[in-house]
Amino acid sequence: MLCRMMRQFDYICRGEQGLMRLLTVHVPDGFLEGLDELVRQKKYANRSEIIRIAIRDLLRDELWDQR
């Protein structure tokens, strides 16, 4: 993945899914342990993939499917 800094703390990257921005979030330890377990079970490639899928599904359910 190729990344470059746009402004302080604002990175933009080009990945398999097109342009992506870096997002920093604070989450409870238990959430990270769950994410790491899903990766260990090889259900997802990494934490970022899990979080992108969760955000996509939330947006679909809360915004995009409200037609």
C-alpha atoms as a PDB file:
ATOM      1  CA  MET A   1       0.000   0.000   0.000  1.00  0.00           C
ATOM      2  CA  LEU A   2       1.425   3.400  -0.948  1.00  0.00           C
ATOM      3  CA  CYS A   3       0.788   6.251   1.508  1.00  0.00           C
ATOM      4  CA  ARG A   4       1.667   9.923   1.680  1.00  0.00           C
ATOM      5  CA  MET A   5       1.057  12.653   4.220  1.00  0.00           C
ATOM      6  CA  MET A   6      -1.489  15.255   3.102  1.00  0.00           C
ATOM      7  CA  ARG A   7      -1.516  17.416   6.266  1.00  0.00           C
ATOM      8  CA  GLN A   8      -0.374  16.756   9.797  1.00  0.00           C
ATOM      9  CA  PHE A   9      -2.034  13.494  10.948  1.00  0.00           C
ATOM     10  CA  ASP A  10      -3.821  13.084   7.592  1.00  0.00           C
ATOM     11  CA  TYR A  11      -2.493  10.249   5.468  1.00  0.00           C
ATOM     12  CA  ILE A  12      -3.977   9.058   2.203  1.00  0.00           C
ATOM     13  CA  CYS A  13      -3.136   5.602   0.888  1.00  0.00           C
ATOM     14  CA  ARG A  14      -3.812   3.713  -2.303  1.00  0.00           C
ATOM     15  CA  GLY A  15      -4.767   0.113  -1.602  1.00  0.00           C
ATOM     16  CA  GLU A  16      -6.668  -2.679  -3.278  1.00  0.00           C
ATOM     17  CA  GLN A  17      -9.954  -0.865  -2.590  1.00  0.00           C
ATOM     18  CA  GLY A  18      -8.803   2.472  -4.003  1.00  0.00           C
ATOM     19  CA  LEU A  19      -7.888   5.578  -2.043  1.00  0.00           C
ATOM     20  CA  MET A  20      -8.146   5.262   1.739  1.00  0.00           C
ATOM     21  CA  ARG A  21      -7.441   7.646   4.615  1.00  0.00           C
ATOM     22  CA  LEU A  22      -5.830   6.717   7.890  1.00  0.00           C
ATOM     23  CA  LEU A  23      -8.240   6.809  10.844  1.00  0.00           C
ATOM     24  CA  THR A  24      -7.050   6.549  14.451  1.00  0.00           C
ATOM     25  CA  VAL A  25      -9.529   5.277  17.035  1.00  0.00           C
ATOM     26  CA  HIS A  26      -9.418   4.229  20.681  1.00  0.00           C
ATOM     27  CA  VAL A  27     -11.069   0.879  21.463  1.00  0.00           C
ATOM     28  CA  PRO A  28     -11.289  -1.280  24.596  1.00  0.00           C
ATOM     29  CA  ASP A  29      -8.721  -4.057  25.005  1.00  0.00           C
ATOM     30  CA  GLY A  30     -11.473  -6.657  24.728  1.00  0.00           C
ATOM     31  CA  PHE A  31     -12.359  -5.446  21.242  1.00  0.00           C
ATOM     32  CA  LEU A  32      -8.742  -5.774  20.112  1.00  0.00           C
ATOM     33  CA  GLU A  33      -8.506  -9.244  21.590  1.00  0.00           C
ATOM     34  CA  GLY A  34     -11.604 -10.234  19.623  1.00  0.00           C
ATOM     35  CA  LEU A  35     -10.223  -8.753  16.404  1.00  0.00           C
ATOM     36  CA  ASP A  36      -6.909 -10.534  16.913  1.00  0.00           C
ATOM     37  CA  GLU A  37      -8.706 -13.837  17.515  1.00  0.00           C
ATOM     38  CA  LEU A  38     -10.609 -13.465  14.213  1.00  0.00           C
ATOM     39  CA  VAL A  39      -7.287 -12.854  12.451  1.00  0.00           C
ATOM     40  CA  ARG A  40      -5.689 -15.867  14.224  1.00  0.00           C
ATOM     41  CA  GLN A  41      -8.622 -17.994  13.024  1.00  0.00           C
ATOM     42  CA  LYS A  42      -7.825 -16.720   9.502  1.00  0.00           C
ATOM     43  CA  LYS A  43     -11.364 -15.390   9.061  1.00  0.00           C
ATOM     44  CA  TYR A  44      -9.872 -12.009   8.062  1.00  0.00           C
ATOM     45  CA  ALA A  45      -6.456 -10.919   6.845  1.00  0.00           C
ATOM     46  CA  ASN A  46      -5.953  -8.206   9.491  1.00  0.00           C
ATOM     47  CA  ARG A  47      -7.664  -5.812  11.906  1.00  0.00           C
ATOM     48  CA  SER A  48      -8.082  -3.129   9.246  1.00  0.00           C
ATOM     49  CA  GLU A  49     -10.100  -5.455   7.029  1.00  0.00           C
ATOM     50  CA  ILE A  50     -12.443  -6.313   9.915  1.00  0.00           C
ATOM     51  CA  ILE A  51     -12.960  -2.659  10.792  1.00  0.00           C
ATOM     52  CA  ARG A  52     -13.601  -1.638   7.148  1.00  0.00           C
ATOM     53  CA  ILE A  53     -16.216  -4.391   6.819  1.00  0.00           C
ATOM     54  CA  ALA A  54     -17.883  -3.359  10.095  1.00  0.00           C
ATOM     55  CA  ILE A  55     -18.032   0.304   8.998  1.00  0.00           C
ATOM     56  CA  ARG A  56     -19.366  -0.650   5.568  1.00  0.00           C
ATOM     57  CA  ASP A  57     -22.088  -2.821   7.101  1.00  0.00           C
ATOM     58  CA  LEU A  58     -23.063  -0.087   9.594  1.00  0.00           C
ATOM     59  CA  LEU A  59     -23.332   2.528   6.842  1.00  0.00           C
ATOM     60  CA  ARG A  60     -25.338   0.150   4.661  1.00  0.00           C
ATOM     61  CA  ASP A  61     -27.761  -0.633   7.485  1.00  0.00           C
ATOM     62  CA  GLU A  62     -28.072   2.904   8.887  1.00  0.00           C
ATOM     63  CA  LEU A  63     -27.832   5.084   5.773  1.00  0.00           C
ATOM     64  CA  TRP A  64     -27.701   3.410   2.416  1.00  0.00           C
ATOM     65  CA  ASP A  65     -30.639   1.010   2.778  1.00  0.00           C
ATOM     66  CA  GLN A  66     -33.056   3.715   4.002  1.00  0.00           C
ATOM     67  CA  ARG A  67     -34.615   4.329   0.618  1.00  0.00           C
END
